[in-house]
Amino acid sequence: MGVMDRFLGAGAAVTSVANAATGVAEVFRENTTRRMELDEEAYARAMAQLSAEFAASPRGWFDALVNGLNRLPRPVLTLGTVGLFVYAMVEPEGFGLRMENLNLVPEPLWWLLGAIISFYFGAREAHYFRSRPIIPAAPRKAQTAVEAAAGMAGEVAVAAPLTQAAPEGDSFADNAALRDWAAAQAAG
């Protein structure tokens, strides 16, 4: 190949023309490979910063104490409730007296206690509820096939609830009560 380049003398000229064409092309269109390299460097820097932010710092006795206190309310409430059942069985008179005294607590204070407990436990439940996968309902064809198979096997199939067939163009196809109300309004 080197002999051909020297013989034709075009190697250096072709290289310089190719480099010039690349330079001109980069003026009009971004170098995709270079952009990917820069994006990867930016991502690596962001990940390094994030890991530095959340790196475990040395914890002292106060951090351990606060972490322990944060873990106490759920087990204390659970064991306290079970303890109330035990107390009711061991000393019914004392338990009854204390339950009568709870009647003297003003209702707004019960609302406040309910709000605090539902806030404390509800946020945790809402977090798990949001991360739960949504399972779509089985298609009607699959349900009919299952019911037919159950009928052939001699098993008693559970009857589906009776619903009126939605007329074509019905805007209440998913709500039978609204469909009935709309039909009554149209008739009367």
N, C-alpha and C. Protein backbone atom coordinates (compact mmCIF):
# COMPACT_ATOMS: atom_id res chain seq x y z
N MET A 1 0.83 -1.19 0.00
CA MET A 1 0.00 0.00 0.00
C MET A 1 0.87 1.24 0.00
N GLY A 2 1.97 1.21 0.75
CA GLY A 2 2.87 2.36 0.78
C GLY A 2 3.47 2.66 -0.58
N VAL A 3 3.75 1.60 -1.37
CA VAL A 3 4.32 1.79 -2.70
C VAL A 3 3.31 2.49 -3.59
N MET A 4 2.06 2.11 -3.50
CA MET A 4 1.02 2.72 -4.32
C MET A 4 0.85 4.20 -3.95
N ASP A 5 0.90 4.48 -2.63
CA ASP A 5 0.77 5.88 -2.21
C ASP A 5 1.91 6.72 -2.76
N ARG A 6 3.14 6.18 -2.67
CA ARG A 6 4.28 6.93 -3.19
C ARG A 6 4.21 7.05 -4.69
N PHE A 7 3.73 6.01 -5.33
CA PHE A 7 3.66 6.02 -6.79
C PHE A 7 2.63 7.03 -7.28
N LEU A 8 1.45 7.01 -6.63
CA LEU A 8 0.40 7.93 -7.05
C LEU A 8 0.57 9.31 -6.42
N GLY A 9 1.17 9.37 -5.22
CA GLY A 9 1.39 10.64 -4.53
C GLY A 9 0.10 11.27 -4.03
N ALA A 10 -0.93 10.47 -3.85
CA ALA A 10 -2.22 11.02 -3.47
C ALA A 10 -2.55 10.80 -2.01
N GLY A 11 -1.74 10.08 -1.25
CA GLY A 11 -2.07 9.74 0.14
C GLY A 11 -2.25 10.95 1.01
N ALA A 12 -1.31 11.86 1.00
CA ALA A 12 -1.38 13.05 1.85
C ALA A 12 -2.52 13.96 1.40
N ALA A 13 -2.72 14.05 0.11
CA ALA A 13 -3.78 14.92 -0.41
C ALA A 13 -5.16 14.38 -0.03
N VAL A 14 -5.34 13.07 -0.15
CA VAL A 14 -6.62 12.46 0.21
C VAL A 14 -6.89 12.65 1.69
N THR A 15 -5.87 12.48 2.52
CA THR A 15 -6.04 12.65 3.97
C THR A 15 -6.43 14.08 4.30
N SER A 16 -5.77 15.05 3.69
CA SER A 16 -6.09 16.45 4.00
C SER A 16 -7.49 16.82 3.50
N VAL A 17 -7.91 16.28 2.35
CA VAL A 17 -9.26 16.54 1.86
C VAL A 17 -10.31 15.91 2.79
N ALA A 18 -10.04 14.69 3.26
CA ALA A 18 -10.97 14.02 4.17
C ALA A 18 -11.09 14.78 5.48
N ASN A 19 -9.96 15.25 6.03
CA ASN A 19 -10.00 16.03 7.27
C ASN A 19 -10.76 17.34 7.07
N ALA A 20 -10.57 17.98 5.93
CA ALA A 20 -11.28 19.23 5.65
C ALA A 20 -12.79 18.97 5.54
N ALA A 21 -13.16 17.88 4.89
CA ALA A 21 -14.58 17.55 4.75
C ALA A 21 -15.20 17.26 6.11
N THR A 22 -14.45 16.58 6.96
CA THR A 22 -14.95 16.29 8.32
C THR A 22 -15.14 17.58 9.09
N GLY A 23 -14.18 18.50 8.99
CA GLY A 23 -14.30 19.79 9.67
C GLY A 23 -15.49 20.58 9.19
N VAL A 24 -15.72 20.60 7.87
CA VAL A 24 -16.86 21.33 7.32
C VAL A 24 -18.17 20.68 7.76
N ALA A 25 -18.22 19.36 7.77
CA ALA A 25 -19.44 18.65 8.17
C ALA A 25 -19.77 18.93 9.63
N GLU A 26 -18.74 19.05 10.49
CA GLU A 26 -19.00 19.31 11.91
C GLU A 26 -19.51 20.72 12.15
N VAL A 27 -19.33 21.61 11.20
CA VAL A 27 -19.89 22.95 11.33
C VAL A 27 -21.41 22.88 11.21
N PHE A 28 -21.90 22.04 10.32
CA PHE A 28 -23.34 21.95 10.07
C PHE A 28 -24.04 20.89 10.91
N ARG A 29 -23.32 19.86 11.29
CA ARG A 29 -23.92 18.77 12.06
C ARG A 29 -22.95 18.36 13.16
N GLU A 30 -23.50 18.20 14.36
CA GLU A 30 -22.69 17.87 15.53
C GLU A 30 -22.06 16.48 15.38
N ASN A 31 -20.85 16.33 15.90
CA ASN A 31 -20.18 15.04 15.90
C ASN A 31 -20.86 14.16 16.95
N THR A 32 -21.61 13.17 16.51
CA THR A 32 -22.41 12.34 17.40
C THR A 32 -21.54 11.55 18.37
N THR A 33 -20.43 11.04 17.88
CA THR A 33 -19.54 10.27 18.75
C THR A 33 -18.98 11.14 19.86
N ARG A 34 -18.56 12.35 19.52
CA ARG A 34 -18.02 13.26 20.54
C ARG A 34 -19.12 13.64 21.54
N ARG A 35 -20.35 13.85 21.06
CA ARG A 35 -21.46 14.18 21.95
C ARG A 35 -21.72 13.04 22.93
N MET A 36 -21.66 11.80 22.45
CA MET A 36 -21.86 10.64 23.33
C MET A 36 -20.75 10.58 24.38
N GLU A 37 -19.51 10.86 23.98
CA GLU A 37 -18.40 10.86 24.94
C GLU A 37 -18.60 11.93 26.00
N LEU A 38 -19.00 13.14 25.59
CA LEU A 38 -19.24 14.22 26.55
C LEU A 38 -20.40 13.90 27.47
N ASP A 39 -21.47 13.31 26.94
CA ASP A 39 -22.60 12.91 27.78
C ASP A 39 -22.19 11.87 28.81
N GLU A 40 -21.37 10.93 28.41
CA GLU A 40 -20.90 9.89 29.34
C GLU A 40 -20.03 10.50 30.43
N GLU A 41 -19.18 11.46 30.08
CA GLU A 41 -18.35 12.12 31.08
C GLU A 41 -19.22 12.90 32.07
N ALA A 42 -20.24 13.60 31.57
CA ALA A 42 -21.14 14.35 32.45
C ALA A 42 -21.90 13.41 33.37
N TYR A 43 -22.34 12.28 32.85
CA TYR A 43 -23.05 11.29 33.67
C TYR A 43 -22.14 10.73 34.76
N ALA A 44 -20.89 10.43 34.39
CA ALA A 44 -19.94 9.90 35.37
C ALA A 44 -19.67 10.93 36.47
N ARG A 45 -19.54 12.22 36.10
CA ARG A 45 -19.33 13.26 37.11
C ARG A 45 -20.54 13.38 38.03
N ALA A 46 -21.76 13.32 37.46
CA ALA A 46 -22.97 13.42 38.28
C ALA A 46 -23.08 12.24 39.24
N MET A 47 -22.77 11.04 38.78
CA MET A 47 -22.82 9.87 39.65
C MET A 47 -21.77 9.95 40.75
N ALA A 48 -20.59 10.47 40.42
CA ALA A 48 -19.55 10.62 41.45
C ALA A 48 -19.99 11.62 42.51
N GLN A 49 -20.61 12.72 42.09
CA GLN A 49 -21.09 13.71 43.04
C GLN A 49 -22.20 13.12 43.91
N LEU A 50 -23.12 12.39 43.29
CA LEU A 50 -24.23 11.79 44.04
C LEU A 50 -23.72 10.77 45.06
N SER A 51 -22.78 9.95 44.65
CA SER A 51 -22.26 8.95 45.60
C SER A 51 -21.48 9.62 46.72
N ALA A 52 -20.83 10.76 46.44
CA ALA A 52 -20.13 11.48 47.50
C ALA A 52 -21.13 12.08 48.48
N GLU A 53 -22.27 12.56 47.97
CA GLU A 53 -23.29 13.14 48.85
C GLU A 53 -23.88 12.11 49.80
N PHE A 54 -24.12 10.91 49.28
CA PHE A 54 -24.81 9.90 50.08
C PHE A 54 -23.86 8.86 50.67
N ALA A 55 -22.59 9.15 50.67
CA ALA A 55 -21.64 8.22 51.29
C ALA A 55 -21.92 8.19 52.79
N ALA A 56 -21.76 7.03 53.36
CA ALA A 56 -22.04 6.88 54.79
C ALA A 56 -21.00 7.65 55.59
N SER A 57 -21.49 8.60 56.37
CA SER A 57 -20.59 9.36 57.23
C SER A 57 -20.46 8.63 58.56
N PRO A 58 -19.39 8.86 59.27
CA PRO A 58 -19.25 8.18 60.56
C PRO A 58 -20.38 8.63 61.50
N ARG A 59 -21.00 7.66 62.14
CA ARG A 59 -22.15 7.96 62.99
C ARG A 59 -21.74 7.91 64.45
N GLY A 60 -22.28 8.85 65.18
CA GLY A 60 -22.00 8.91 66.60
C GLY A 60 -23.12 8.31 67.42
N TRP A 61 -23.04 8.48 68.73
CA TRP A 61 -24.04 7.90 69.61
C TRP A 61 -25.39 8.59 69.44
N PHE A 62 -25.39 9.89 69.13
CA PHE A 62 -26.65 10.61 68.96
C PHE A 62 -27.41 10.10 67.73
N ASP A 63 -26.69 9.86 66.63
CA ASP A 63 -27.34 9.32 65.43
C ASP A 63 -27.94 7.95 65.71
N ALA A 64 -27.21 7.12 66.44
CA ALA A 64 -27.73 5.80 66.79
C ALA A 64 -28.97 5.91 67.67
N LEU A 65 -28.97 6.87 68.60
CA LEU A 65 -30.12 7.07 69.48
C LEU A 65 -31.35 7.52 68.69
N VAL A 66 -31.18 8.49 67.79
CA VAL A 66 -32.31 8.98 66.99
C VAL A 66 -32.83 7.89 66.07
N ASN A 67 -31.94 7.10 65.46
CA ASN A 67 -32.40 6.00 64.61
C ASN A 67 -33.19 4.98 65.41
N GLY A 68 -32.75 4.70 66.62
CA GLY A 68 -33.48 3.78 67.49
C GLY A 68 -34.85 4.32 67.86
N LEU A 69 -34.93 5.63 68.17
CA LEU A 69 -36.22 6.24 68.52
C LEU A 69 -37.18 6.25 67.32
N ASN A 70 -36.64 6.41 66.13
CA ASN A 70 -37.49 6.41 64.93
C ASN A 70 -38.11 5.04 64.68
N ARG A 71 -37.50 4.01 65.18
CA ARG A 71 -38.01 2.65 64.94
C ARG A 71 -38.96 2.18 66.04
N LEU A 72 -39.16 2.98 67.07
CA LEU A 72 -39.98 2.54 68.20
C LEU A 72 -41.50 2.62 68.02
N PRO A 73 -42.09 3.63 67.38
CA PRO A 73 -43.56 3.78 67.44
C PRO A 73 -44.36 2.58 66.95
N ARG A 74 -43.99 1.98 65.85
CA ARG A 74 -44.79 0.86 65.33
C ARG A 74 -44.80 -0.33 66.29
N PRO A 75 -43.65 -0.80 66.74
CA PRO A 75 -43.72 -1.93 67.67
C PRO A 75 -44.39 -1.58 68.99
N VAL A 76 -44.21 -0.34 69.48
CA VAL A 76 -44.84 0.04 70.74
C VAL A 76 -46.36 0.05 70.59
N LEU A 77 -46.87 0.60 69.49
CA LEU A 77 -48.32 0.60 69.27
C LEU A 77 -48.87 -0.82 69.12
N THR A 78 -48.14 -1.65 68.41
CA THR A 78 -48.60 -3.03 68.22
C THR A 78 -48.59 -3.80 69.53
N LEU A 79 -47.49 -3.74 70.25
CA LEU A 79 -47.41 -4.47 71.52
C LEU A 79 -48.36 -3.87 72.56
N GLY A 80 -48.58 -2.55 72.50
CA GLY A 80 -49.54 -1.93 73.42
C GLY A 80 -50.95 -2.42 73.18
N THR A 81 -51.32 -2.59 71.92
CA THR A 81 -52.66 -3.09 71.60
C THR A 81 -52.83 -4.53 72.08
N VAL A 82 -51.82 -5.35 71.85
CA VAL A 82 -51.88 -6.73 72.35
C VAL A 82 -51.91 -6.72 73.87
N GLY A 83 -51.17 -5.81 74.48
CA GLY A 83 -51.17 -5.68 75.94
C GLY A 83 -52.54 -5.32 76.48
N LEU A 84 -53.31 -4.51 75.74
CA LEU A 84 -54.67 -4.18 76.17
C LEU A 84 -55.56 -5.42 76.22
N PHE A 85 -55.40 -6.32 75.25
CA PHE A 85 -56.17 -7.57 75.28
C PHE A 85 -55.79 -8.40 76.51
N VAL A 86 -54.51 -8.48 76.78
CA VAL A 86 -54.06 -9.25 77.95
C VAL A 86 -54.59 -8.61 79.22
N TYR A 87 -54.50 -7.28 79.31
CA TYR A 87 -54.99 -6.56 80.49
C TYR A 87 -56.49 -6.77 80.69
N ALA A 88 -57.25 -6.79 79.59
CA ALA A 88 -58.70 -7.01 79.69
C ALA A 88 -59.00 -8.40 80.23
N MET A 89 -58.17 -9.38 79.91
CA MET A 89 -58.42 -10.74 80.41
C MET A 89 -57.94 -10.92 81.85
N VAL A 90 -56.86 -10.24 82.21
CA VAL A 90 -56.30 -10.40 83.55
C VAL A 90 -57.10 -9.63 84.59
N GLU A 91 -57.43 -8.37 84.28
CA GLU A 91 -58.15 -7.54 85.25
C GLU A 91 -59.30 -6.81 84.56
N PRO A 92 -60.44 -7.48 84.38
CA PRO A 92 -61.55 -6.88 83.63
C PRO A 92 -62.11 -5.61 84.28
N GLU A 93 -62.12 -5.54 85.63
CA GLU A 93 -62.68 -4.36 86.29
C GLU A 93 -61.83 -3.13 86.02
N GLY A 94 -60.53 -3.27 86.15
CA GLY A 94 -59.62 -2.14 85.89
C GLY A 94 -59.65 -1.72 84.42
N PHE A 95 -59.73 -2.71 83.54
CA PHE A 95 -59.80 -2.42 82.11
C PHE A 95 -61.08 -1.65 81.80
N GLY A 96 -62.21 -2.11 82.37
CA GLY A 96 -63.49 -1.44 82.14
C GLY A 96 -63.46 0.00 82.65
N LEU A 97 -62.85 0.21 83.83
CA LEU A 97 -62.76 1.56 84.38
C LEU A 97 -61.95 2.48 83.46
N ARG A 98 -60.84 1.98 82.95
CA ARG A 98 -60.01 2.79 82.05
C ARG A 98 -60.72 3.07 80.72
N MET A 99 -61.46 2.10 80.23
CA MET A 99 -62.20 2.33 78.99
C MET A 99 -63.32 3.35 79.20
N GLU A 100 -63.96 3.35 80.38
CA GLU A 100 -64.96 4.37 80.68
C GLU A 100 -64.31 5.74 80.77
N ASN A 101 -63.10 5.80 81.31
CA ASN A 101 -62.38 7.08 81.39
C ASN A 101 -62.00 7.59 79.99
N LEU A 102 -61.77 6.69 79.06
CA LEU A 102 -61.47 7.12 77.69
C LEU A 102 -62.67 7.83 77.07
N ASN A 103 -63.88 7.52 77.56
CA ASN A 103 -65.08 8.20 77.08
C ASN A 103 -65.07 9.69 77.42
N LEU A 104 -64.30 10.06 78.44
CA LEU A 104 -64.24 11.45 78.88
C LEU A 104 -63.32 12.31 78.02
N VAL A 105 -62.52 11.67 77.16
CA VAL A 105 -61.61 12.43 76.29
C VAL A 105 -62.45 13.16 75.25
N PRO A 106 -62.22 14.47 75.05
CA PRO A 106 -63.02 15.22 74.07
C PRO A 106 -62.81 14.69 72.65
N GLU A 107 -63.88 14.78 71.86
CA GLU A 107 -63.85 14.23 70.50
C GLU A 107 -62.78 14.88 69.61
N PRO A 108 -62.58 16.20 69.66
CA PRO A 108 -61.51 16.78 68.82
C PRO A 108 -60.13 16.21 69.12
N LEU A 109 -59.91 15.83 70.37
CA LEU A 109 -58.62 15.22 70.71
C LEU A 109 -58.49 13.84 70.06
N TRP A 110 -59.59 13.11 69.94
CA TRP A 110 -59.56 11.82 69.23
C TRP A 110 -59.28 12.05 67.75
N TRP A 111 -59.86 13.11 67.18
CA TRP A 111 -59.60 13.43 65.77
C TRP A 111 -58.13 13.71 65.56
N LEU A 112 -57.56 14.48 66.49
CA LEU A 112 -56.14 14.81 66.37
C LEU A 112 -55.28 13.56 66.47
N LEU A 113 -55.60 12.68 67.40
CA LEU A 113 -54.85 11.43 67.52
C LEU A 113 -55.00 10.58 66.26
N GLY A 114 -56.22 10.51 65.73
CA GLY A 114 -56.43 9.76 64.49
C GLY A 114 -55.66 10.34 63.33
N ALA A 115 -55.61 11.67 63.25
CA ALA A 115 -54.86 12.31 62.16
C ALA A 115 -53.37 12.01 62.28
N ILE A 116 -52.84 12.06 63.49
CA ILE A 116 -51.42 11.79 63.69
C ILE A 116 -51.09 10.34 63.32
N ILE A 117 -51.90 9.42 63.79
CA ILE A 117 -51.63 8.00 63.50
C ILE A 117 -51.82 7.70 62.02
N SER A 118 -52.87 8.26 61.41
CA SER A 118 -53.06 7.99 59.98
C SER A 118 -51.97 8.65 59.14
N PHE A 119 -51.48 9.80 59.57
CA PHE A 119 -50.36 10.43 58.86
C PHE A 119 -49.11 9.57 58.98
N TYR A 120 -48.86 9.07 60.19
CA TYR A 120 -47.65 8.29 60.42
C TYR A 120 -47.69 6.97 59.66
N PHE A 121 -48.80 6.26 59.76
CA PHE A 121 -48.89 4.96 59.10
C PHE A 121 -49.36 5.09 57.65
N GLY A 122 -50.16 6.10 57.35
CA GLY A 122 -50.71 6.25 56.01
C GLY A 122 -49.66 6.58 54.97
N ALA A 123 -48.66 7.38 55.34
CA ALA A 123 -47.60 7.71 54.38
C ALA A 123 -46.84 6.46 53.98
N ARG A 124 -46.60 5.61 54.92
CA ARG A 124 -45.88 4.36 54.62
C ARG A 124 -46.73 3.47 53.71
N GLU A 125 -48.02 3.36 54.02
CA GLU A 125 -48.91 2.53 53.20
C GLU A 125 -49.06 3.13 51.81
N ALA A 126 -49.16 4.45 51.71
CA ALA A 126 -49.28 5.09 50.40
C ALA A 126 -48.04 4.83 49.56
N HIS A 127 -46.87 4.82 50.21
CA HIS A 127 -45.64 4.53 49.47
C HIS A 127 -45.69 3.12 48.88
N TYR A 128 -46.11 2.15 49.68
CA TYR A 128 -46.19 0.77 49.18
C TYR A 128 -47.32 0.63 48.16
N PHE A 129 -48.40 1.38 48.33
CA PHE A 129 -49.51 1.31 47.39
C PHE A 129 -49.09 1.82 46.02
N ARG A 130 -48.30 2.89 45.99
CA ARG A 130 -47.85 3.45 44.71
C ARG A 130 -46.89 2.51 44.00
N SER A 131 -46.11 1.73 44.74
CA SER A 131 -45.13 0.85 44.10
C SER A 131 -45.73 -0.51 43.73
N ARG A 132 -46.98 -0.75 44.10
CA ARG A 132 -47.65 -2.01 43.77
C ARG A 132 -47.97 -2.06 42.28
N PRO A 133 -47.71 -3.19 41.61
CA PRO A 133 -48.04 -3.25 40.18
C PRO A 133 -49.56 -3.31 39.98
N ILE A 134 -50.00 -2.71 38.91
CA ILE A 134 -51.42 -2.71 38.57
C ILE A 134 -51.70 -3.92 37.69
N ILE A 135 -52.60 -4.78 38.13
CA ILE A 135 -52.93 -5.98 37.38
C ILE A 135 -54.21 -5.70 36.60
N PRO A 136 -54.14 -5.71 35.28
CA PRO A 136 -55.35 -5.42 34.50
C PRO A 136 -56.37 -6.54 34.63
N ALA A 137 -57.62 -6.19 34.44
CA ALA A 137 -58.69 -7.18 34.50
C ALA A 137 -58.57 -8.13 33.32
N ALA A 138 -59.00 -9.36 33.53
CA ALA A 138 -58.93 -10.36 32.45
C ALA A 138 -59.88 -9.97 31.34
N PRO A 139 -59.48 -10.15 30.10
CA PRO A 139 -60.39 -9.85 28.99
C PRO A 139 -61.65 -10.72 29.06
N ARG A 140 -62.74 -10.21 28.54
CA ARG A 140 -64.03 -10.91 28.61
C ARG A 140 -63.97 -12.25 27.88
N LYS A 141 -63.20 -12.33 26.77
CA LYS A 141 -63.10 -13.59 26.04
C LYS A 141 -62.45 -14.66 26.91
N ALA A 142 -61.42 -14.28 27.66
CA ALA A 142 -60.75 -15.25 28.52
C ALA A 142 -61.67 -15.69 29.64
N GLN A 143 -62.47 -14.77 30.18
CA GLN A 143 -63.40 -15.14 31.23
C GLN A 143 -64.44 -16.12 30.72
N THR A 144 -64.95 -15.90 29.50
CA THR A 144 -65.96 -16.81 28.94
C THR A 144 -65.34 -18.18 28.69
N ALA A 145 -64.10 -18.21 28.24
CA ALA A 145 -63.43 -19.49 28.01
C ALA A 145 -63.25 -20.25 29.32
N VAL A 146 -62.91 -19.54 30.38
CA VAL A 146 -62.75 -20.19 31.69
C VAL A 146 -64.09 -20.71 32.18
N GLU A 147 -65.15 -19.91 32.02
CA GLU A 147 -66.47 -20.36 32.46
C GLU A 147 -66.93 -21.57 31.65
N ALA A 148 -66.64 -21.59 30.35
CA ALA A 148 -67.03 -22.73 29.52
C ALA A 148 -66.26 -23.97 29.93
N ALA A 149 -64.98 -23.81 30.24
CA ALA A 149 -64.17 -24.95 30.69
C ALA A 149 -64.67 -25.47 32.02
N ALA A 150 -65.08 -24.57 32.90
CA ALA A 150 -65.61 -24.99 34.20
C ALA A 150 -66.91 -25.75 34.01
N GLY A 151 -67.74 -25.34 33.05
CA GLY A 151 -69.01 -26.02 32.78
C GLY A 151 -68.78 -27.40 32.21
N MET A 152 -67.74 -27.56 31.36
CA MET A 152 -67.45 -28.87 30.77
C MET A 152 -66.88 -29.82 31.80
N ALA A 153 -66.19 -29.29 32.81
CA ALA A 153 -65.59 -30.15 33.82
C ALA A 153 -66.61 -30.61 34.85
N GLY A 154 -67.84 -30.14 34.74
CA GLY A 154 -68.88 -30.57 35.67
C GLY A 154 -68.92 -29.73 36.93
N GLU A 155 -68.12 -28.66 36.98
CA GLU A 155 -68.13 -27.79 38.15
C GLU A 155 -69.23 -26.77 38.00
N VAL A 156 -69.66 -26.23 39.12
CA VAL A 156 -70.69 -25.21 39.10
C VAL A 156 -70.01 -23.88 38.84
N ALA A 157 -70.38 -23.23 37.77
CA ALA A 157 -69.80 -21.94 37.44
C ALA A 157 -70.55 -20.86 38.19
N VAL A 158 -69.83 -19.87 38.67
CA VAL A 158 -70.43 -18.76 39.38
C VAL A 158 -71.07 -17.83 38.37
N ALA A 159 -72.32 -17.49 38.61
CA ALA A 159 -73.04 -16.63 37.66
C ALA A 159 -72.49 -15.22 37.74
N ALA A 160 -72.32 -14.62 36.58
CA ALA A 160 -71.85 -13.24 36.52
C ALA A 160 -73.00 -12.33 36.92
N PRO A 161 -72.70 -11.17 37.52
CA PRO A 161 -73.78 -10.27 37.89
C PRO A 161 -74.52 -9.79 36.65
N LEU A 162 -75.84 -9.62 36.81
CA LEU A 162 -76.66 -9.19 35.69
C LEU A 162 -76.45 -7.71 35.43
N THR A 163 -76.06 -7.38 34.22
CA THR A 163 -75.91 -5.99 33.84
C THR A 163 -76.60 -5.80 32.50
N GLN A 164 -77.12 -4.63 32.30
CA GLN A 164 -77.75 -4.34 31.03
C GLN A 164 -76.66 -4.09 30.00
N ALA A 165 -76.93 -4.54 28.80
CA ALA A 165 -75.98 -4.28 27.73
C ALA A 165 -76.03 -2.80 27.38
N ALA A 166 -74.85 -2.21 27.26
CA ALA A 166 -74.79 -0.78 26.96
C ALA A 166 -75.12 -0.55 25.51
N PRO A 167 -76.05 0.37 25.22
CA PRO A 167 -76.34 0.68 23.82
C PRO A 167 -75.13 1.31 23.15
N GLU A 168 -75.11 1.22 21.84
CA GLU A 168 -74.00 1.77 21.06
C GLU A 168 -73.93 3.28 21.29
N GLY A 169 -72.74 3.79 21.54
CA GLY A 169 -72.57 5.22 21.76
C GLY A 169 -72.94 5.65 23.17
N ASP A 170 -73.09 4.71 24.10
CA ASP A 170 -73.45 5.01 25.47
C ASP A 170 -72.25 5.62 26.19
N SER A 171 -72.46 6.78 26.81
CA SER A 171 -71.35 7.41 27.52
C SER A 171 -71.21 6.87 28.94
N PHE A 172 -72.15 6.03 29.39
CA PHE A 172 -72.09 5.45 30.72
C PHE A 172 -71.85 3.95 30.65
N ALA A 173 -70.99 3.50 29.76
CA ALA A 173 -70.79 2.07 29.56
C ALA A 173 -70.21 1.40 30.80
N ASP A 174 -69.47 2.14 31.60
CA ASP A 174 -68.83 1.54 32.76
C ASP A 174 -69.60 1.77 34.06
N ASN A 175 -70.77 2.44 34.00
CA ASN A 175 -71.50 2.75 35.22
C ASN A 175 -72.98 2.45 35.01
N ALA A 176 -73.42 1.31 35.52
CA ALA A 176 -74.80 0.87 35.32
C ALA A 176 -75.80 1.81 35.99
N ALA A 177 -75.45 2.36 37.15
CA ALA A 177 -76.37 3.25 37.86
C ALA A 177 -76.63 4.52 37.06
N LEU A 178 -75.58 5.10 36.49
CA LEU A 178 -75.77 6.29 35.66
C LEU A 178 -76.53 5.97 34.39
N ARG A 179 -76.30 4.78 33.84
CA ARG A 179 -77.02 4.37 32.63
C ARG A 179 -78.51 4.26 32.93
N ASP A 180 -78.87 3.64 34.08
CA ASP A 180 -80.28 3.52 34.47
C ASP A 180 -80.91 4.89 34.71
N TRP A 181 -80.16 5.78 35.36
CA TRP A 181 -80.66 7.12 35.64
C TRP A 181 -80.91 7.88 34.33
N ALA A 182 -79.95 7.77 33.39
CA ALA A 182 -80.10 8.46 32.10
C ALA A 182 -81.29 7.90 31.34
N ALA A 183 -81.52 6.58 31.42
CA ALA A 183 -82.67 5.97 30.75
C ALA A 183 -83.97 6.46 31.38
N ALA A 184 -84.01 6.59 32.71
CA ALA A 184 -85.20 7.08 33.40
C ALA A 184 -85.47 8.54 33.05
N GLN A 185 -84.42 9.34 32.92
CA GLN A 185 -84.57 10.75 32.55
C GLN A 185 -85.09 10.88 31.12
N ALA A 186 -84.60 10.01 30.24
CA ALA A 186 -85.03 10.06 28.84
C ALA A 186 -86.48 9.60 28.70
N ALA A 187 -86.90 8.61 29.52
CA ALA A 187 -88.26 8.08 29.43
C ALA A 187 -89.26 9.05 30.07
N GLY A 188 -88.86 9.74 31.13
CA GLY A 188 -89.81 10.56 31.86
C GLY A 188 -89.62 11.97 31.61
